[in-house]
Full PDB file with SEQRES, HELIX, SHEET, SSBOND, CRYST1, ORIGX, SCALE, CONECT and MASTER records, all heavy atoms in Angstrom:
SEQRES   1 A   33  SER ALA PHE GLN ARG ALA VAL SER LYS ARG LYS VAL GLU          
SEQRES   2 A   33  ALA ILE LYS ASN PHE TYR GLU THR ALA ILE SER GLN PRO          
SEQRES   3 A   33  PRO ILE PRO GLY THR VAL LEU                                  
HELIX    1 AA1 LYS A    9  THR A   21  1                                  13    
CRYST1    1.000    1.000    1.000  90.00  90.00  90.00 P 1           1          
ORIGX1      1.000000  0.000000  0.000000        0.00000                         
ORIGX2      0.000000  1.000000  0.000000        0.00000                         
ORIGX3      0.000000  0.000000  1.000000        0.00000                         
SCALE1      1.000000  0.000000  0.000000        0.00000                         
SCALE2      0.000000  1.000000  0.000000        0.00000                         
SCALE3      0.000000  0.000000  1.000000        0.00000                         
ATOM      1  N   SER A   1      17.350 -24.081   7.197  1.00  0.00           N  
ATOM      2  CA  SER A   1      15.975 -23.788   7.086  1.00  0.00           C  
ATOM      3  C   SER A   1      15.718 -22.385   6.422  1.00  0.00           C  
ATOM      4  O   SER A   1      14.577 -22.073   6.285  1.00  0.00           O  
ATOM      5  CB  SER A   1      15.286 -23.901   8.377  1.00  0.00           C  
ATOM      6  OG  SER A   1      15.770 -22.992   9.324  1.00  0.00           O  
ATOM      7  N   ALA A   2      16.757 -21.557   6.246  1.00  0.00           N  
ATOM      8  CA  ALA A   2      16.569 -20.317   5.756  1.00  0.00           C  
ATOM      9  C   ALA A   2      16.281 -20.323   4.231  1.00  0.00           C  
ATOM     10  O   ALA A   2      16.446 -21.405   3.605  1.00  0.00           O  
ATOM     11  CB  ALA A   2      17.754 -19.454   6.060  1.00  0.00           C  
ATOM     12  N   PHE A   3      15.833 -19.224   3.643  1.00  0.00           N  
ATOM     13  CA  PHE A   3      15.566 -19.174   2.308  1.00  0.00           C  
ATOM     14  C   PHE A   3      16.559 -18.322   1.480  1.00  0.00           C  
ATOM     15  O   PHE A   3      16.629 -18.351   0.342  1.00  0.00           O  
ATOM     16  CB  PHE A   3      14.126 -18.772   1.965  1.00  0.00           C  
ATOM     17  CG  PHE A   3      13.658 -17.470   2.773  1.00  0.00           C  
ATOM     18  CD1 PHE A   3      13.963 -16.248   2.126  1.00  0.00           C  
ATOM     19  CD2 PHE A   3      12.974 -17.543   3.881  1.00  0.00           C  
ATOM     20  CE1 PHE A   3      13.622 -15.001   2.813  1.00  0.00           C  
ATOM     21  CE2 PHE A   3      12.637 -16.461   4.550  1.00  0.00           C  
ATOM     22  CZ  PHE A   3      12.936 -15.128   4.057  1.00  0.00           C  
ATOM     23  N   GLN A   4      17.109 -17.299   2.208  1.00  0.00           N  
ATOM     24  CA  GLN A   4      17.969 -16.315   1.504  1.00  0.00           C  
ATOM     25  C   GLN A   4      19.313 -16.983   1.060  1.00  0.00           C  
ATOM     26  O   GLN A   4      19.784 -18.001   1.553  1.00  0.00           O  
ATOM     27  CB  GLN A   4      18.502 -15.264   2.485  1.00  0.00           C  
ATOM     28  CG  GLN A   4      17.286 -14.242   2.727  1.00  0.00           C  
ATOM     29  CD  GLN A   4      17.291 -13.268   1.589  1.00  0.00           C  
ATOM     30  OE1 GLN A   4      17.921 -13.467   0.548  1.00  0.00           O  
ATOM     31  NE2 GLN A   4      16.606 -12.106   1.643  1.00  0.00           N  
ATOM     32  N   ARG A   5      19.846 -16.411  -0.055  1.00  0.00           N  
ATOM     33  CA  ARG A   5      21.073 -16.929  -0.650  1.00  0.00           C  
ATOM     34  C   ARG A   5      22.231 -16.352   0.342  1.00  0.00           C  
ATOM     35  O   ARG A   5      22.045 -15.438   1.047  1.00  0.00           O  
ATOM     36  CB  ARG A   5      21.205 -16.458  -2.049  1.00  0.00           C  
ATOM     37  CG  ARG A   5      20.310 -17.044  -2.949  1.00  0.00           C  
ATOM     38  CD  ARG A   5      20.007 -16.040  -4.171  1.00  0.00           C  
ATOM     39  NE  ARG A   5      19.472 -14.793  -3.754  1.00  0.00           N  
ATOM     40  CZ  ARG A   5      19.145 -13.778  -4.743  1.00  0.00           C  
ATOM     41  NH1 ARG A   5      19.388 -14.029  -5.971  1.00  0.00           N  
ATOM     42  NH2 ARG A   5      18.552 -12.757  -4.244  1.00  0.00           N  
ATOM     43  N   ALA A   6      23.405 -16.910   0.199  1.00  0.00           N  
ATOM     44  CA  ALA A   6      24.530 -16.485   0.864  1.00  0.00           C  
ATOM     45  C   ALA A   6      24.820 -14.955   0.369  1.00  0.00           C  
ATOM     46  O   ALA A   6      24.692 -14.718  -0.705  1.00  0.00           O  
ATOM     47  CB  ALA A   6      25.788 -17.319   0.590  1.00  0.00           C  
ATOM     48  N   VAL A   7      25.269 -14.175   1.343  1.00  0.00           N  
ATOM     49  CA  VAL A   7      25.598 -12.803   1.112  1.00  0.00           C  
ATOM     50  C   VAL A   7      26.819 -12.667   0.271  1.00  0.00           C  
ATOM     51  O   VAL A   7      27.816 -13.336   0.635  1.00  0.00           O  
ATOM     52  CB  VAL A   7      25.615 -11.949   2.239  1.00  0.00           C  
ATOM     53  CG1 VAL A   7      26.065 -10.600   2.036  1.00  0.00           C  
ATOM     54  CG2 VAL A   7      24.182 -12.091   3.034  1.00  0.00           C  
ATOM     55  N   SER A   8      26.812 -11.963  -0.721  1.00  0.00           N  
ATOM     56  CA  SER A   8      27.933 -11.772  -1.594  1.00  0.00           C  
ATOM     57  C   SER A   8      28.791 -10.411  -1.270  1.00  0.00           C  
ATOM     58  O   SER A   8      28.211  -9.358  -1.176  1.00  0.00           O  
ATOM     59  CB  SER A   8      27.509 -11.566  -3.143  1.00  0.00           C  
ATOM     60  OG  SER A   8      28.650 -11.051  -3.945  1.00  0.00           O  
ATOM     61  N   LYS A   9      30.082 -10.647  -0.924  1.00  0.00           N  
ATOM     62  CA  LYS A   9      30.882  -9.474  -0.382  1.00  0.00           C  
ATOM     63  C   LYS A   9      31.049  -8.591  -1.567  1.00  0.00           C  
ATOM     64  O   LYS A   9      30.881  -7.304  -1.315  1.00  0.00           O  
ATOM     65  CB  LYS A   9      32.266 -10.004  -0.068  1.00  0.00           C  
ATOM     66  CG  LYS A   9      33.223  -9.019   0.319  1.00  0.00           C  
ATOM     67  CD  LYS A   9      34.531  -9.593   0.822  1.00  0.00           C  
ATOM     68  CE  LYS A   9      35.535  -8.557   1.202  1.00  0.00           C  
ATOM     69  NZ  LYS A   9      36.103  -7.836   0.033  1.00  0.00           N  
ATOM     70  N   ARG A  10      31.209  -9.010  -2.884  1.00  0.00           N  
ATOM     71  CA  ARG A  10      31.411  -8.201  -3.882  1.00  0.00           C  
ATOM     72  C   ARG A  10      30.078  -7.260  -4.123  1.00  0.00           C  
ATOM     73  O   ARG A  10      30.178  -6.059  -4.424  1.00  0.00           O  
ATOM     74  CB  ARG A  10      31.632  -8.961  -5.290  1.00  0.00           C  
ATOM     75  CG  ARG A  10      31.786  -8.243  -6.431  1.00  0.00           C  
ATOM     76  CD  ARG A  10      32.008  -9.052  -7.605  1.00  0.00           C  
ATOM     77  NE  ARG A  10      30.939 -10.089  -7.815  1.00  0.00           N  
ATOM     78  CZ  ARG A  10      29.781  -9.660  -8.392  1.00  0.00           C  
ATOM     79  NH1 ARG A  10      29.487  -8.410  -8.791  1.00  0.00           N  
ATOM     80  NH2 ARG A  10      28.739 -10.575  -8.439  1.00  0.00           N  
ATOM     81  N   LYS A  11      28.982  -7.906  -3.997  1.00  0.00           N  
ATOM     82  CA  LYS A  11      27.752  -7.298  -4.160  1.00  0.00           C  
ATOM     83  C   LYS A  11      27.483  -6.070  -3.205  1.00  0.00           C  
ATOM     84  O   LYS A  11      27.008  -4.947  -3.398  1.00  0.00           O  
ATOM     85  CB  LYS A  11      26.558  -8.170  -4.403  1.00  0.00           C  
ATOM     86  CG  LYS A  11      25.271  -7.484  -4.806  1.00  0.00           C  
ATOM     87  CD  LYS A  11      24.151  -8.532  -4.956  1.00  0.00           C  
ATOM     88  CE  LYS A  11      22.914  -7.909  -5.615  1.00  0.00           C  
ATOM     89  NZ  LYS A  11      21.789  -9.050  -5.777  1.00  0.00           N  
ATOM     90  N   VAL A  12      27.746  -6.475  -1.943  1.00  0.00           N  
ATOM     91  CA  VAL A  12      27.676  -5.434  -0.820  1.00  0.00           C  
ATOM     92  C   VAL A  12      28.527  -4.324  -1.061  1.00  0.00           C  
ATOM     93  O   VAL A  12      28.103  -3.056  -0.868  1.00  0.00           O  
ATOM     94  CB  VAL A  12      27.927  -6.157   0.501  1.00  0.00           C  
ATOM     95  CG1 VAL A  12      28.021  -5.195   1.591  1.00  0.00           C  
ATOM     96  CG2 VAL A  12      26.884  -7.189   0.865  1.00  0.00           C  
ATOM     97  N   GLU A  13      29.676  -4.487  -1.450  1.00  0.00           N  
ATOM     98  CA  GLU A  13      30.652  -3.437  -1.706  1.00  0.00           C  
ATOM     99  C   GLU A  13      30.274  -2.578  -2.890  1.00  0.00           C  
ATOM    100  O   GLU A  13      30.420  -1.247  -2.848  1.00  0.00           O  
ATOM    101  CB  GLU A  13      32.057  -3.948  -1.882  1.00  0.00           C  
ATOM    102  CG  GLU A  13      32.697  -4.557  -0.600  1.00  0.00           C  
ATOM    103  CD  GLU A  13      34.059  -5.210  -0.911  1.00  0.00           C  
ATOM    104  OE1 GLU A  13      34.273  -5.589  -2.073  1.00  0.00           O  
ATOM    105  OE2 GLU A  13      34.836  -5.222   0.051  1.00  0.00           O  
ATOM    106  N   ALA A  14      29.653  -3.226  -3.877  1.00  0.00           N  
ATOM    107  CA  ALA A  14      29.338  -2.433  -5.105  1.00  0.00           C  
ATOM    108  C   ALA A  14      28.063  -1.455  -4.695  1.00  0.00           C  
ATOM    109  O   ALA A  14      28.000  -0.307  -5.107  1.00  0.00           O  
ATOM    110  CB  ALA A  14      28.890  -3.320  -6.158  1.00  0.00           C  
ATOM    111  N   ILE A  15      27.172  -2.041  -3.905  1.00  0.00           N  
ATOM    112  CA  ILE A  15      25.999  -1.274  -3.531  1.00  0.00           C  
ATOM    113  C   ILE A  15      26.466  -0.070  -2.615  1.00  0.00           C  
ATOM    114  O   ILE A  15      25.943   1.029  -2.554  1.00  0.00           O  
ATOM    115  CB  ILE A  15      24.937  -2.187  -2.919  1.00  0.00           C  
ATOM    116  CG1 ILE A  15      24.302  -3.111  -3.855  1.00  0.00           C  
ATOM    117  CG2 ILE A  15      23.795  -1.290  -2.337  1.00  0.00           C  
ATOM    118  CD1 ILE A  15      23.440  -4.140  -3.260  1.00  0.00           C  
ATOM    119  N   LYS A  16      27.343  -0.326  -1.586  1.00  0.00           N  
ATOM    120  CA  LYS A  16      27.837   0.622  -0.722  1.00  0.00           C  
ATOM    121  C   LYS A  16      28.467   1.770  -1.635  1.00  0.00           C  
ATOM    122  O   LYS A  16      28.355   2.954  -1.331  1.00  0.00           O  
ATOM    123  CB  LYS A  16      28.783   0.111   0.188  1.00  0.00           C  
ATOM    124  CG  LYS A  16      29.512   1.094   1.145  1.00  0.00           C  
ATOM    125  CD  LYS A  16      30.502   0.470   2.061  1.00  0.00           C  
ATOM    126  CE  LYS A  16      31.243   1.391   2.904  1.00  0.00           C  
ATOM    127  NZ  LYS A  16      32.268   2.136   2.209  1.00  0.00           N  
ATOM    128  N   ASN A  17      29.209   1.407  -2.633  1.00  0.00           N  
ATOM    129  CA  ASN A  17      29.855   2.380  -3.428  1.00  0.00           C  
ATOM    130  C   ASN A  17      28.829   3.177  -4.153  1.00  0.00           C  
ATOM    131  O   ASN A  17      28.989   4.455  -4.333  1.00  0.00           O  
ATOM    132  CB  ASN A  17      30.718   1.705  -4.502  1.00  0.00           C  
ATOM    133  CG  ASN A  17      31.515   2.719  -5.415  1.00  0.00           C  
ATOM    134  OD1 ASN A  17      32.292   3.534  -4.957  1.00  0.00           O  
ATOM    135  ND2 ASN A  17      31.065   2.596  -6.779  1.00  0.00           N  
ATOM    136  N   PHE A  18      27.661   2.639  -4.592  1.00  0.00           N  
ATOM    137  CA  PHE A  18      26.548   3.394  -5.239  1.00  0.00           C  
ATOM    138  C   PHE A  18      25.938   4.368  -4.263  1.00  0.00           C  
ATOM    139  O   PHE A  18      25.695   5.521  -4.601  1.00  0.00           O  
ATOM    140  CB  PHE A  18      25.526   2.407  -5.726  1.00  0.00           C  
ATOM    141  CG  PHE A  18      24.316   3.033  -6.233  1.00  0.00           C  
ATOM    142  CD1 PHE A  18      24.365   3.784  -7.440  1.00  0.00           C  
ATOM    143  CD2 PHE A  18      23.097   3.085  -5.463  1.00  0.00           C  
ATOM    144  CE1 PHE A  18      23.196   4.470  -7.927  1.00  0.00           C  
ATOM    145  CE2 PHE A  18      21.945   3.672  -5.933  1.00  0.00           C  
ATOM    146  CZ  PHE A  18      21.929   4.410  -7.099  1.00  0.00           C  
ATOM    147  N   TYR A  19      25.796   3.966  -2.949  1.00  0.00           N  
ATOM    148  CA  TYR A  19      25.255   4.852  -1.997  1.00  0.00           C  
ATOM    149  C   TYR A  19      26.143   6.149  -1.915  1.00  0.00           C  
ATOM    150  O   TYR A  19      25.621   7.172  -1.679  1.00  0.00           O  
ATOM    151  CB  TYR A  19      25.163   4.191  -0.614  1.00  0.00           C  
ATOM    152  CG  TYR A  19      24.101   3.148  -0.523  1.00  0.00           C  
ATOM    153  CD1 TYR A  19      24.169   2.200   0.430  1.00  0.00           C  
ATOM    154  CD2 TYR A  19      23.090   3.032  -1.500  1.00  0.00           C  
ATOM    155  CE1 TYR A  19      23.151   1.181   0.659  1.00  0.00           C  
ATOM    156  CE2 TYR A  19      22.078   2.032  -1.373  1.00  0.00           C  
ATOM    157  CZ  TYR A  19      22.192   1.151  -0.436  1.00  0.00           C  
ATOM    158  OH  TYR A  19      21.191   0.099  -0.223  1.00  0.00           O  
ATOM    159  N   GLU A  20      27.450   5.892  -1.835  1.00  0.00           N  
ATOM    160  CA  GLU A  20      28.331   7.054  -1.669  1.00  0.00           C  
ATOM    161  C   GLU A  20      28.418   7.964  -2.924  1.00  0.00           C  
ATOM    162  O   GLU A  20      28.603   9.157  -2.843  1.00  0.00           O  
ATOM    163  CB  GLU A  20      29.790   6.481  -1.566  1.00  0.00           C  
ATOM    164  CG  GLU A  20      29.929   5.730  -0.035  1.00  0.00           C  
ATOM    165  CD  GLU A  20      31.247   4.986  -0.068  1.00  0.00           C  
ATOM    166  OE1 GLU A  20      31.945   4.708  -1.070  1.00  0.00           O  
ATOM    167  OE2 GLU A  20      31.661   4.818   1.125  1.00  0.00           O  
ATOM    168  N   THR A  21      28.070   7.410  -4.200  1.00  0.00           N  
ATOM    169  CA  THR A  21      28.201   8.323  -5.193  1.00  0.00           C  
ATOM    170  C   THR A  21      26.778   8.906  -5.740  1.00  0.00           C  
ATOM    171  O   THR A  21      26.798   9.801  -6.598  1.00  0.00           O  
ATOM    172  CB  THR A  21      28.771   7.412  -6.527  1.00  0.00           C  
ATOM    173  OG1 THR A  21      28.000   6.297  -6.695  1.00  0.00           O  
ATOM    174  CG2 THR A  21      30.280   7.091  -6.126  1.00  0.00           C  
ATOM    175  N   ALA A  22      25.685   8.238  -5.233  1.00  0.00           N  
ATOM    176  CA  ALA A  22      24.391   8.740  -5.580  1.00  0.00           C  
ATOM    177  C   ALA A  22      24.140  10.092  -4.931  1.00  0.00           C  
ATOM    178  O   ALA A  22      23.979  10.210  -3.667  1.00  0.00           O  
ATOM    179  CB  ALA A  22      23.307   7.742  -5.152  1.00  0.00           C  
ATOM    180  N   ILE A  23      24.075  11.115  -5.686  1.00  0.00           N  
ATOM    181  CA  ILE A  23      23.779  12.496  -5.208  1.00  0.00           C  
ATOM    182  C   ILE A  23      22.373  12.944  -5.657  1.00  0.00           C  
ATOM    183  O   ILE A  23      21.499  13.159  -4.733  1.00  0.00           O  
ATOM    184  CB  ILE A  23      24.791  13.439  -5.779  1.00  0.00           C  
ATOM    185  CG1 ILE A  23      26.322  12.995  -5.420  1.00  0.00           C  
ATOM    186  CG2 ILE A  23      24.521  14.849  -5.178  1.00  0.00           C  
ATOM    187  CD1 ILE A  23      26.581  12.847  -3.967  1.00  0.00           C  
ATOM    188  N   SER A  24      22.104  13.074  -6.820  1.00  0.00           N  
ATOM    189  CA  SER A  24      20.757  13.469  -7.335  1.00  0.00           C  
ATOM    190  C   SER A  24      19.769  12.361  -7.265  1.00  0.00           C  
ATOM    191  O   SER A  24      18.560  12.567  -7.144  1.00  0.00           O  
ATOM    192  CB  SER A  24      20.863  14.087  -8.631  1.00  0.00           C  
ATOM    193  OG  SER A  24      21.413  13.185  -9.658  1.00  0.00           O  
ATOM    194  N   GLN A  25      20.360  11.152  -7.456  1.00  0.00           N  
ATOM    195  CA  GLN A  25      19.342   9.915  -7.412  1.00  0.00           C  
ATOM    196  C   GLN A  25      19.192   9.438  -6.075  1.00  0.00           C  
ATOM    197  O   GLN A  25      20.071   9.517  -5.247  1.00  0.00           O  
ATOM    198  CB  GLN A  25      19.948   8.839  -8.324  1.00  0.00           C  
ATOM    199  CG  GLN A  25      20.111   9.140  -9.851  1.00  0.00           C  
ATOM    200  CD  GLN A  25      20.744   8.015 -10.591  1.00  0.00           C  
ATOM    201  OE1 GLN A  25      21.442   7.204 -10.067  1.00  0.00           O  
ATOM    202  NE2 GLN A  25      20.348   7.818 -11.817  1.00  0.00           N  
ATOM    203  N   PRO A  26      17.981   8.899  -5.730  1.00  0.00           N  
ATOM    204  CA  PRO A  26      17.728   8.249  -4.378  1.00  0.00           C  
ATOM    205  C   PRO A  26      18.554   6.985  -4.309  1.00  0.00           C  
ATOM    206  O   PRO A  26      18.577   6.099  -5.307  1.00  0.00           O  
ATOM    207  CB  PRO A  26      16.186   8.009  -4.308  1.00  0.00           C  
ATOM    208  CG  PRO A  26      15.881   7.819  -5.833  1.00  0.00           C  
ATOM    209  CD  PRO A  26      16.798   8.784  -6.587  1.00  0.00           C  
ATOM    210  N   PRO A  27      19.344   6.824  -3.183  1.00  0.00           N  
ATOM    211  CA  PRO A  27      20.145   5.552  -3.130  1.00  0.00           C  
ATOM    212  C   PRO A  27      19.304   4.262  -2.999  1.00  0.00           C  
ATOM    213  O   PRO A  27      19.714   3.229  -3.564  1.00  0.00           O  
ATOM    214  CB  PRO A  27      20.898   5.757  -1.762  1.00  0.00           C  
ATOM    215  CG  PRO A  27      20.700   7.191  -1.355  1.00  0.00           C  
ATOM    216  CD  PRO A  27      19.373   7.721  -2.168  1.00  0.00           C  
ATOM    217  N   ILE A  28      18.085   4.305  -2.448  1.00  0.00           N  
ATOM    218  CA  ILE A  28      17.320   3.144  -2.301  1.00  0.00           C  
ATOM    219  C   ILE A  28      15.961   3.411  -2.801  1.00  0.00           C  
ATOM    220  O   ILE A  28      15.038   3.678  -1.927  1.00  0.00           O  
ATOM    221  CB  ILE A  28      17.283   2.641  -0.752  1.00  0.00           C  
ATOM    222  CG1 ILE A  28      18.659   2.659  -0.184  1.00  0.00           C  
ATOM    223  CG2 ILE A  28      16.635   1.255  -0.694  1.00  0.00           C  
ATOM    224  CD1 ILE A  28      18.717   2.248   1.178  1.00  0.00           C  
ATOM    225  N   PRO A  29      15.680   3.466  -4.025  1.00  0.00           N  
ATOM    226  CA  PRO A  29      14.426   3.729  -4.670  1.00  0.00           C  
ATOM    227  C   PRO A  29      13.387   2.666  -4.548  1.00  0.00           C  
ATOM    228  O   PRO A  29      12.233   2.844  -4.541  1.00  0.00           O  
ATOM    229  CB  PRO A  29      14.719   4.166  -6.040  1.00  0.00           C  
ATOM    230  CG  PRO A  29      15.882   3.331  -6.351  1.00  0.00           C  
ATOM    231  CD  PRO A  29      16.732   3.280  -5.187  1.00  0.00           C  
ATOM    232  N   GLY A  30      13.914   1.390  -4.507  1.00  0.00           N  
ATOM    233  CA  GLY A  30      13.011   0.198  -4.447  1.00  0.00           C  
ATOM    234  C   GLY A  30      12.735  -0.193  -3.034  1.00  0.00           C  
ATOM    235  O   GLY A  30      13.543   0.074  -2.050  1.00  0.00           O  
ATOM    236  N   THR A  31      11.501  -0.845  -2.761  1.00  0.00           N  
ATOM    237  CA  THR A  31      11.201  -1.149  -1.358  1.00  0.00           C  
ATOM    238  C   THR A  31      11.943  -2.431  -1.035  1.00  0.00           C  
ATOM    239  O   THR A  31      12.189  -3.340  -1.772  1.00  0.00           O  
ATOM    240  CB  THR A  31       9.631  -1.647  -1.384  1.00  0.00           C  
ATOM    241  OG1 THR A  31       9.262  -2.500  -2.420  1.00  0.00           O  
ATOM    242  CG2 THR A  31       8.884  -0.394  -1.571  1.00  0.00           C  
ATOM    243  N   VAL A  32      12.150  -2.563   0.310  1.00  0.00           N  
ATOM    244  CA  VAL A  32      12.715  -3.709   0.958  1.00  0.00           C  
ATOM    245  C   VAL A  32      11.577  -4.456   1.455  1.00  0.00           C  
ATOM    246  O   VAL A  32      10.687  -3.882   2.153  1.00  0.00           O  
ATOM    247  CB  VAL A  32      13.729  -3.301   2.006  1.00  0.00           C  
ATOM    248  CG1 VAL A  32      14.128  -4.447   2.924  1.00  0.00           C  
ATOM    249  CG2 VAL A  32      15.011  -2.511   1.442  1.00  0.00           C  
ATOM    250  N   LEU A  33      11.584  -5.815   1.371  1.00  0.00           N  
ATOM    251  CA  LEU A  33      10.499  -6.552   1.858  1.00  0.00           C  
ATOM    252  C   LEU A  33      10.831  -7.290   3.160  1.00  0.00           C  
ATOM    253  O   LEU A  33      11.886  -7.969   3.252  1.00  0.00           O  
ATOM    254  CB  LEU A  33      10.048  -7.727   0.742  1.00  0.00           C  
ATOM    255  CG  LEU A  33       8.984  -7.212  -0.297  1.00  0.00           C  
ATOM    256  CD1 LEU A  33       9.431  -6.118  -1.129  1.00  0.00           C  
ATOM    257  CD2 LEU A  33       8.688  -8.433  -1.170  1.00  0.00           C  
TER     258      LEU A  33                                                      
MASTER        0    0    0    1    0    0    0    6  257    1    0    3          
END                                                                             
């Protein structure tokens, strides 16, 4: 009954890596709904 897609391990790891390397840029500039 859920609507979300299955969570992708590869995508989670890629975003985590971005958080670690984002220095001058905001890590989460877009809104979470």
